[in-house]
Amino acid sequence: MLNSTSLVSRILKYPLDRICIKSGVYCPSCQRKIDAGEVSSEDLEVLRVLVELEDKLKFLRKGEYVKTAAISDVAVVFIKNGFEVDERRVLEEELSLHLGKKVKVVEYTNDLKKLVEQLIYPATLYGINRVWIPDGSELLNIRVSKRDRKFLKNKEEYEKLIEKISNAKVKIIFE
């Protein structure tokens, strides 16, 4: 017999109720999250596909959905809780197929360097320098290989996304 804790740990965790995601009809709690902007229309689109894929991709049961962000024509899906590289690649392919656009799946972590490496991949990250500004804020200089400029055509969009994640001003520098 399954107890409720073993059942809960066997499904992907979402910011909304699964029933609400599947039906498209939201309970008051889920509707508040949508109205407050905690869950965007991009999130809803990805969440619907993830719920559909749960039976096909068994590894989804161990993880947690965090957020979706857009960089130009690429949807960046943040997930957490130990997905393997191969599992993320399979998920990228499936999401791209169902959403009709390129998807990059990133393992969300508190380690900013690992997070940035995944975001800018296949570009090579040389390092991240923190510069303290006299007004008390900080600037993150993200140093990337000059030859990889072609992978970050929309440098400003990457900077904005990393700023949201890090709560600091960001500048990508090619060297």
C-alpha atoms as a PDB file:
ATOM      1  CA  MET A   1       0.000   0.000   0.000  1.00  0.00           C
ATOM      2  CA  LEU A   2       1.298   3.450  -0.926  1.00  0.00           C
ATOM      3  CA  ASN A   3       1.239   6.186   1.638  1.00  0.00           C
ATOM      4  CA  SER A   4       0.696   9.803   0.634  1.00  0.00           C
ATOM      5  CA  THR A   5       4.353  10.823   1.060  1.00  0.00           C
ATOM      6  CA  SER A   6       5.631   8.158  -1.340  1.00  0.00           C
ATOM      7  CA  LEU A   7       3.021   9.180  -3.919  1.00  0.00           C
ATOM      8  CA  VAL A   8       3.911  12.868  -3.656  1.00  0.00           C
ATOM      9  CA  SER A   9       7.613  12.195  -4.096  1.00  0.00           C
ATOM     10  CA  ARG A  10       6.931  10.234  -7.311  1.00  0.00           C
ATOM     11  CA  ILE A  11       5.578  13.128  -9.393  1.00  0.00           C
ATOM     12  CA  LEU A  12       7.178  16.265 -10.763  1.00  0.00           C
ATOM     13  CA  LYS A  13       6.509  19.225  -8.480  1.00  0.00           C
ATOM     14  CA  TYR A  14       4.755  22.194 -10.064  1.00  0.00           C
ATOM     15  CA  PRO A  15       3.901  25.694  -8.848  1.00  0.00           C
ATOM     16  CA  LEU A  16       0.229  24.961  -9.679  1.00  0.00           C
ATOM     17  CA  ASP A  17      -2.042  21.984  -9.041  1.00  0.00           C
ATOM     18  CA  ARG A  18      -1.764  19.232 -11.662  1.00  0.00           C
ATOM     19  CA  ILE A  19      -5.536  19.115 -12.098  1.00  0.00           C
ATOM     20  CA  CYS A  20      -5.646  22.851 -12.797  1.00  0.00           C
ATOM     21  CA  ILE A  21      -2.794  22.576 -15.310  1.00  0.00           C
ATOM     22  CA  LYS A  22      -4.433  19.654 -17.128  1.00  0.00           C
ATOM     23  CA  SER A  23      -7.907  21.167 -17.267  1.00  0.00           C
ATOM     24  CA  GLY A  24      -6.956  24.795 -17.871  1.00  0.00           C
ATOM     25  CA  VAL A  25      -9.505  25.767 -15.221  1.00  0.00           C
ATOM     26  CA  TYR A  26      -7.727  27.215 -12.208  1.00  0.00           C
ATOM     27  CA  CYS A  27      -8.730  27.037  -8.555  1.00  0.00           C
ATOM     28  CA  PRO A  28      -8.604  30.302  -6.555  1.00  0.00           C
ATOM     29  CA  SER A  29      -5.107  29.512  -5.210  1.00  0.00           C
ATOM     30  CA  CYS A  30      -3.655  28.823  -8.676  1.00  0.00           C
ATOM     31  CA  GLN A  31      -5.470  31.808 -10.170  1.00  0.00           C
ATOM     32  CA  ARG A  32      -3.903  34.097  -7.515  1.00  0.00           C
ATOM     33  CA  LYS A  33      -0.425  32.879  -8.527  1.00  0.00           C
ATOM     34  CA  ILE A  34      -1.195  33.593 -12.181  1.00  0.00           C
ATOM     35  CA  ASP A  35      -2.685  37.021 -11.418  1.00  0.00           C
ATOM     36  CA  ALA A  36       0.270  37.937  -9.193  1.00  0.00           C
ATOM     37  CA  GLY A  37       2.696  37.094 -12.013  1.00  0.00           C
ATOM     38  CA  GLU A  38       4.325  34.189 -10.170  1.00  0.00           C
ATOM     39  CA  VAL A  39       3.306  31.972 -13.091  1.00  0.00           C
ATOM     40  CA  SER A  40       3.530  33.466 -16.594  1.00  0.00           C
ATOM     41  CA  SER A  41       1.852  32.427 -19.828  1.00  0.00           C
ATOM     42  CA  GLU A  42       5.204  30.875 -20.879  1.00  0.00           C
ATOM     43  CA  ASP A  43       5.147  28.832 -17.664  1.00  0.00           C
ATOM     44  CA  LEU A  44       1.591  27.645 -18.342  1.00  0.00           C
ATOM     45  CA  GLU A  45       2.506  26.502 -21.844  1.00  0.00           C
ATOM     46  CA  VAL A  46       5.506  24.486 -20.575  1.00  0.00           C
ATOM     47  CA  LEU A  47       3.584  23.120 -17.569  1.00  0.00           C
ATOM     48  CA  ARG A  48       0.858  21.695 -19.823  1.00  0.00           C
ATOM     49  CA  VAL A  49       3.440  19.863 -21.917  1.00  0.00           C
ATOM     50  CA  LEU A  50       5.306  18.585 -18.846  1.00  0.00           C
ATOM     51  CA  VAL A  51       2.094  17.112 -17.419  1.00  0.00           C
ATOM     52  CA  GLU A  52       1.487  15.350 -20.746  1.00  0.00           C
ATOM     53  CA  LEU A  53       5.062  14.008 -20.821  1.00  0.00           C
ATOM     54  CA  GLU A  54       5.066  12.589 -17.267  1.00  0.00           C
ATOM     55  CA  ASP A  55       3.893   9.136 -18.339  1.00  0.00           C
ATOM     56  CA  LYS A  56       6.335   8.951 -21.253  1.00  0.00           C
ATOM     57  CA  LEU A  57       9.388  10.350 -19.412  1.00  0.00           C
ATOM     58  CA  LYS A  58       9.505   8.518 -16.092  1.00  0.00           C
ATOM     59  CA  PHE A  59      12.558  10.477 -14.894  1.00  0.00           C
ATOM     60  CA  LEU A  60      10.385  13.613 -14.599  1.00  0.00           C
ATOM     61  CA  ARG A  61       8.925  12.181 -11.414  1.00  0.00           C
ATOM     62  CA  LYS A  62      12.007  13.008  -9.390  1.00  0.00           C
ATOM     63  CA  GLY A  63      12.264  16.698 -10.170  1.00  0.00           C
ATOM     64  CA  GLU A  64      10.796  20.094  -9.623  1.00  0.00           C
ATOM     65  CA  TYR A  65       9.805  22.737 -12.158  1.00  0.00           C
ATOM     66  CA  VAL A  66      11.092  26.214 -11.283  1.00  0.00           C
ATOM     67  CA  LYS A  67      10.434  28.727 -14.097  1.00  0.00           C
ATOM     68  CA  THR A  68      10.548  29.401 -17.824  1.00  0.00           C
ATOM     69  CA  ALA A  69      12.248  32.427 -19.363  1.00  0.00           C
ATOM     70  CA  ALA A  70      12.608  33.472 -22.990  1.00  0.00           C
ATOM     71  CA  ILE A  71      15.766  34.533 -24.788  1.00  0.00           C
ATOM     72  CA  SER A  72      14.785  35.490 -28.339  1.00  0.00           C
ATOM     73  CA  ASP A  73      13.362  32.356 -29.931  1.00  0.00           C
ATOM     74  CA  VAL A  74      14.627  30.012 -27.173  1.00  0.00           C
ATOM     75  CA  ALA A  75      12.610  28.983 -24.125  1.00  0.00           C
ATOM     76  CA  VAL A  76      14.873  28.416 -21.110  1.00  0.00           C
ATOM     77  CA  VAL A  77      13.249  25.964 -18.689  1.00  0.00           C
ATOM     78  CA  PHE A  78      14.665  25.845 -15.167  1.00  0.00           C
ATOM     79  CA  ILE A  79      14.257  22.579 -13.253  1.00  0.00           C
ATOM     80  CA  LYS A  80      15.919  21.200 -10.146  1.00  0.00           C
ATOM     81  CA  ASN A  81      16.580  18.079  -8.065  1.00  0.00           C
ATOM     82  CA  GLY A  82      19.201  16.056  -9.826  1.00  0.00           C
ATOM     83  CA  PHE A  83      18.390  15.497 -13.477  1.00  0.00           C
ATOM     84  CA  GLU A  84      21.206  13.828 -15.397  1.00  0.00           C
ATOM     85  CA  VAL A  85      22.650  15.511 -18.506  1.00  0.00           C
ATOM     86  CA  ASP A  86      21.115  12.856 -20.787  1.00  0.00           C
ATOM     87  CA  GLU A  87      17.707  13.317 -19.147  1.00  0.00           C
ATOM     88  CA  ARG A  88      17.885  17.081 -19.701  1.00  0.00           C
ATOM     89  CA  ARG A  89      18.738  16.518 -23.378  1.00  0.00           C
ATOM     90  CA  VAL A  90      15.772  14.174 -23.843  1.00  0.00           C
ATOM     91  CA  LEU A  91      13.522  16.694 -22.102  1.00  0.00           C
ATOM     92  CA  GLU A  92      14.852  19.489 -24.351  1.00  0.00           C
ATOM     93  CA  GLU A  93      14.035  17.446 -27.454  1.00  0.00           C
ATOM     94  CA  GLU A  94      10.534  16.545 -26.265  1.00  0.00           C
ATOM     95  CA  LEU A  95       9.683  20.081 -25.170  1.00  0.00           C
ATOM     96  CA  SER A  96      11.048  21.518 -28.441  1.00  0.00           C
ATOM     97  CA  LEU A  97       8.922  19.078 -30.407  1.00  0.00           C
ATOM     98  CA  HIS A  98       5.728  19.842 -28.467  1.00  0.00           C
ATOM     99  CA  LEU A  99       6.225  23.621 -28.174  1.00  0.00           C
ATOM    100  CA  GLY A 100       7.437  24.143 -31.728  1.00  0.00           C
ATOM    101  CA  LYS A 101      10.486  26.171 -30.693  1.00  0.00           C
ATOM    102  CA  LYS A 102      13.977  25.574 -29.365  1.00  0.00           C
ATOM    103  CA  VAL A 103      14.118  24.748 -25.667  1.00  0.00           C
ATOM    104  CA  LYS A 104      17.121  24.783 -23.332  1.00  0.00           C
ATOM    105  CA  VAL A 105      16.683  22.918 -20.037  1.00  0.00           C
ATOM    106  CA  VAL A 106      18.851  24.248 -17.207  1.00  0.00           C
ATOM    107  CA  GLU A 107      19.396  22.621 -13.815  1.00  0.00           C
ATOM    108  CA  TYR A 108      18.625  25.385 -11.317  1.00  0.00           C
ATOM    109  CA  THR A 109      21.257  25.703  -8.601  1.00  0.00           C
ATOM    110  CA  ASN A 110      22.441  28.299  -6.104  1.00  0.00           C
ATOM    111  CA  ASP A 111      25.931  28.073  -7.612  1.00  0.00           C
ATOM    112  CA  LEU A 112      25.901  31.056  -9.968  1.00  0.00           C
ATOM    113  CA  LYS A 113      28.907  29.853 -11.970  1.00  0.00           C
ATOM    114  CA  LYS A 114      27.294  26.476 -12.776  1.00  0.00           C
ATOM    115  CA  LEU A 115      24.028  28.190 -13.653  1.00  0.00           C
ATOM    116  CA  VAL A 116      25.706  30.673 -16.009  1.00  0.00           C
ATOM    117  CA  GLU A 117      27.752  27.881 -17.630  1.00  0.00           C
ATOM    118  CA  GLN A 118      24.545  26.019 -18.458  1.00  0.00           C
ATOM    119  CA  LEU A 119      22.789  29.155 -19.726  1.00  0.00           C
ATOM    120  CA  ILE A 120      25.520  30.216 -22.130  1.00  0.00           C
ATOM    121  CA  TYR A 121      26.474  26.697 -23.279  1.00  0.00           C
ATOM    122  CA  PRO A 122      28.002  25.939 -25.844  1.00  0.00           C
ATOM    123  CA  ALA A 123      29.945  29.165 -25.199  1.00  0.00           C
ATOM    124  CA  THR A 124      32.928  28.800 -22.865  1.00  0.00           C
ATOM    125  CA  LEU A 125      32.802  30.616 -19.539  1.00  0.00           C
ATOM    126  CA  TYR A 126      36.228  31.879 -18.444  1.00  0.00           C
ATOM    127  CA  GLY A 127      35.004  33.212 -15.118  1.00  0.00           C
ATOM    128  CA  ILE A 128      32.796  35.592 -13.184  1.00  0.00           C
ATOM    129  CA  ASN A 129      34.262  38.658 -11.502  1.00  0.00           C
ATOM    130  CA  ARG A 130      32.351  40.580  -8.834  1.00  0.00           C
ATOM    131  CA  VAL A 131      32.991  44.312  -8.902  1.00  0.00           C
ATOM    132  CA  TRP A 132      31.707  46.327  -5.953  1.00  0.00           C
ATOM    133  CA  ILE A 133      30.375  49.718  -7.005  1.00  0.00           C
ATOM    134  CA  PRO A 134      30.651  52.725  -4.621  1.00  0.00           C
ATOM    135  CA  ASP A 135      26.850  52.976  -4.349  1.00  0.00           C
ATOM    136  CA  GLY A 136      26.846  49.587  -2.580  1.00  0.00           C
ATOM    137  CA  SER A 137      25.640  47.500  -5.525  1.00  0.00           C
ATOM    138  CA  GLU A 138      27.668  44.929  -7.378  1.00  0.00           C
ATOM    139  CA  LEU A 139      28.445  44.281 -11.020  1.00  0.00           C
ATOM    140  CA  LEU A 140      29.094  40.791 -12.336  1.00  0.00           C
ATOM    141  CA  ASN A 141      31.521  40.687 -15.233  1.00  0.00           C
ATOM    142  CA  ILE A 142      30.908  37.407 -17.022  1.00  0.00           C
ATOM    143  CA  ARG A 143      33.989  36.591 -19.062  1.00  0.00           C
ATOM    144  CA  VAL A 144      33.353  34.507 -22.175  1.00  0.00           C
ATOM    145  CA  SER A 145      35.638  33.310 -24.950  1.00  0.00           C
ATOM    146  CA  LYS A 146      35.788  35.761 -27.840  1.00  0.00           C
ATOM    147  CA  ARG A 147      35.434  32.935 -30.358  1.00  0.00           C
ATOM    148  CA  ASP A 148      32.065  32.022 -28.801  1.00  0.00           C
ATOM    149  CA  ARG A 149      30.451  35.396 -29.529  1.00  0.00           C
ATOM    150  CA  LYS A 150      28.323  33.674 -32.194  1.00  0.00           C
ATOM    151  CA  PHE A 151      26.541  31.619 -29.497  1.00  0.00           C
ATOM    152  CA  LEU A 152      25.462  34.731 -27.586  1.00  0.00           C
ATOM    153  CA  LYS A 153      24.036  36.832 -30.393  1.00  0.00           C
ATOM    154  CA  ASN A 154      21.495  38.316 -27.991  1.00  0.00           C
ATOM    155  CA  LYS A 155      23.994  39.257 -25.302  1.00  0.00           C
ATOM    156  CA  GLU A 156      21.651  41.840 -23.749  1.00  0.00           C
ATOM    157  CA  GLU A 157      18.906  39.256 -23.218  1.00  0.00           C
ATOM    158  CA  TYR A 158      21.349  36.896 -21.500  1.00  0.00           C
ATOM    159  CA  GLU A 159      22.492  39.782 -19.302  1.00  0.00           C
ATOM    160  CA  LYS A 160      18.894  40.604 -18.314  1.00  0.00           C
ATOM    161  CA  LEU A 161      18.127  36.966 -17.472  1.00  0.00           C
ATOM    162  CA  ILE A 162      21.269  36.580 -15.371  1.00  0.00           C
ATOM    163  CA  GLU A 163      20.458  39.891 -13.628  1.00  0.00           C
ATOM    164  CA  LYS A 164      17.073  38.481 -12.595  1.00  0.00           C
ATOM    165  CA  ILE A 165      18.718  35.338 -11.240  1.00  0.00           C
ATOM    166  CA  SER A 166      21.611  37.017  -9.440  1.00  0.00           C
ATOM    167  CA  ASN A 167      19.994  40.304  -8.317  1.00  0.00           C
ATOM    168  CA  ALA A 168      23.091  42.150  -9.553  1.00  0.00           C
ATOM    169  CA  LYS A 169      23.995  44.166 -12.613  1.00  0.00           C
ATOM    170  CA  VAL A 170      25.573  41.947 -15.278  1.00  0.00           C
ATOM    171  CA  LYS A 171      27.928  42.607 -18.148  1.00  0.00           C
ATOM    172  CA  ILE A 172      29.100  39.897 -20.544  1.00  0.00           C
ATOM    173  CA  ILE A 173      32.646  40.527 -21.726  1.00  0.00           C
ATOM    174  CA  PHE A 174      34.245  38.696 -24.649  1.00  0.00           C
ATOM    175  CA  GLU A 175      37.994  38.187 -24.270  1.00  0.00           C
END
